[in-house]
Amino acid sequence: MGLIRRYFYFWVVLAAAFTAAGATNIALAITYSELWPVWVAFGLLVVAGGCARAAVHARP
């Protein structure tokens, strides 16, 4: 049970980190009026969604 819980928190931390990185890129896109950070943010949010899904499956 301890291993599953540890992996759950690992996936939650990864999802939070990728979501924060995506939000930062969206802020960069708004601040500098450039388009490339939006695409990077989209990719990061897709990865964050995958991490969140893995956390749900590893939930204790």
C-alpha atoms as a PDB file:
ATOM      1  CA  MET A   1       0.000   0.000   0.000  1.00  0.00           C
ATOM      2  CA  GLY A   2       2.877   2.392   0.730  1.00  0.00           C
ATOM      3  CA  LEU A   3       4.283   2.119  -2.783  1.00  0.00           C
ATOM      4  CA  ILE A   4       0.925   2.931  -4.368  1.00  0.00           C
ATOM      5  CA  ARG A   5       0.474   5.975  -2.150  1.00  0.00           C
ATOM      6  CA  ARG A   6       3.991   7.164  -2.935  1.00  0.00           C
ATOM      7  CA  TYR A   7       3.349   6.906  -6.656  1.00  0.00           C
ATOM      8  CA  PHE A   8       0.041   8.736  -6.201  1.00  0.00           C
ATOM      9  CA  TYR A   9       1.758  11.741  -4.655  1.00  0.00           C
ATOM     10  CA  PHE A  10       4.463  11.587  -7.342  1.00  0.00           C
ATOM     11  CA  TRP A  11       1.822  11.885 -10.082  1.00  0.00           C
ATOM     12  CA  VAL A  12       0.006  14.658  -8.220  1.00  0.00           C
ATOM     13  CA  VAL A  13       3.228  16.667  -7.884  1.00  0.00           C
ATOM     14  CA  LEU A  14       4.042  16.156 -11.565  1.00  0.00           C
ATOM     15  CA  ALA A  15       0.540  17.237 -12.604  1.00  0.00           C
ATOM     16  CA  ALA A  16       0.826  20.370 -10.469  1.00  0.00           C
ATOM     17  CA  ALA A  17       4.269  21.205 -11.866  1.00  0.00           C
ATOM     18  CA  PHE A  18       3.205  20.814 -15.488  1.00  0.00           C
ATOM     19  CA  THR A  19       0.020  22.813 -14.869  1.00  0.00           C
ATOM     20  CA  ALA A  20       2.027  25.640 -13.304  1.00  0.00           C
ATOM     21  CA  ALA A  21       4.454  25.590 -16.236  1.00  0.00           C
ATOM     22  CA  GLY A  22       1.534  25.752 -18.660  1.00  0.00           C
ATOM     23  CA  ALA A  23       0.028  28.689 -16.797  1.00  0.00           C
ATOM     24  CA  THR A  24       3.384  30.467 -16.888  1.00  0.00           C
ATOM     25  CA  ASN A  25       3.577  30.021 -20.647  1.00  0.00           C
ATOM     26  CA  ILE A  26       0.052  31.390 -21.064  1.00  0.00           C
ATOM     27  CA  ALA A  27       1.070  34.429 -19.013  1.00  0.00           C
ATOM     28  CA  LEU A  28       4.126  34.860 -21.258  1.00  0.00           C
ATOM     29  CA  ALA A  29       1.912  34.681 -24.343  1.00  0.00           C
ATOM     30  CA  ILE A  30      -0.383  37.381 -22.974  1.00  0.00           C
ATOM     31  CA  THR A  31       2.470  39.584 -21.807  1.00  0.00           C
ATOM     32  CA  TYR A  32       4.592  39.464 -24.952  1.00  0.00           C
ATOM     33  CA  SER A  33       1.798  38.904 -27.519  1.00  0.00           C
ATOM     34  CA  GLU A  34       3.541  35.904 -29.034  1.00  0.00           C
ATOM     35  CA  LEU A  35       1.945  32.690 -30.183  1.00  0.00           C
ATOM     36  CA  TRP A  36       4.588  30.047 -29.465  1.00  0.00           C
ATOM     37  CA  PRO A  37       4.064  30.006 -25.669  1.00  0.00           C
ATOM     38  CA  VAL A  38       0.422  29.085 -26.275  1.00  0.00           C
ATOM     39  CA  TRP A  39       1.456  25.929 -28.129  1.00  0.00           C
ATOM     40  CA  VAL A  40       4.009  25.074 -25.459  1.00  0.00           C
ATOM     41  CA  ALA A  41       1.357  25.635 -22.781  1.00  0.00           C
ATOM     42  CA  PHE A  42      -1.055  23.388 -24.659  1.00  0.00           C
ATOM     43  CA  GLY A  43       1.533  20.609 -24.724  1.00  0.00           C
ATOM     44  CA  LEU A  44       2.315  21.052 -21.035  1.00  0.00           C
ATOM     45  CA  LEU A  45      -1.363  20.947 -20.114  1.00  0.00           C
ATOM     46  CA  VAL A  46      -1.812  17.741 -22.116  1.00  0.00           C
ATOM     47  CA  VAL A  47       1.088  16.193 -20.176  1.00  0.00           C
ATOM     48  CA  ALA A  48      -0.435  17.479 -16.916  1.00  0.00           C
ATOM     49  CA  GLY A  49      -3.710  15.821 -17.861  1.00  0.00           C
ATOM     50  CA  GLY A  50      -1.908  12.537 -18.411  1.00  0.00           C
ATOM     51  CA  CYS A  51      -0.215  12.849 -15.018  1.00  0.00           C
ATOM     52  CA  ALA A  52      -3.560  13.584 -13.372  1.00  0.00           C
ATOM     53  CA  ARG A  53      -5.065  10.544 -15.034  1.00  0.00           C
ATOM     54  CA  ALA A  54      -2.173   8.390 -13.791  1.00  0.00           C
ATOM     55  CA  ALA A  55      -2.707   9.808 -10.284  1.00  0.00           C
ATOM     56  CA  VAL A  56      -6.373   8.825 -10.398  1.00  0.00           C
ATOM     57  CA  HIS A  57      -5.422   5.267 -11.361  1.00  0.00           C
ATOM     58  CA  ALA A  58      -2.755   5.103  -8.640  1.00  0.00           C
ATOM     59  CA  ARG A  59      -5.070   6.603  -6.002  1.00  0.00           C
ATOM     60  CA  PRO A  60      -4.849   4.767  -2.681  1.00  0.00           C
END
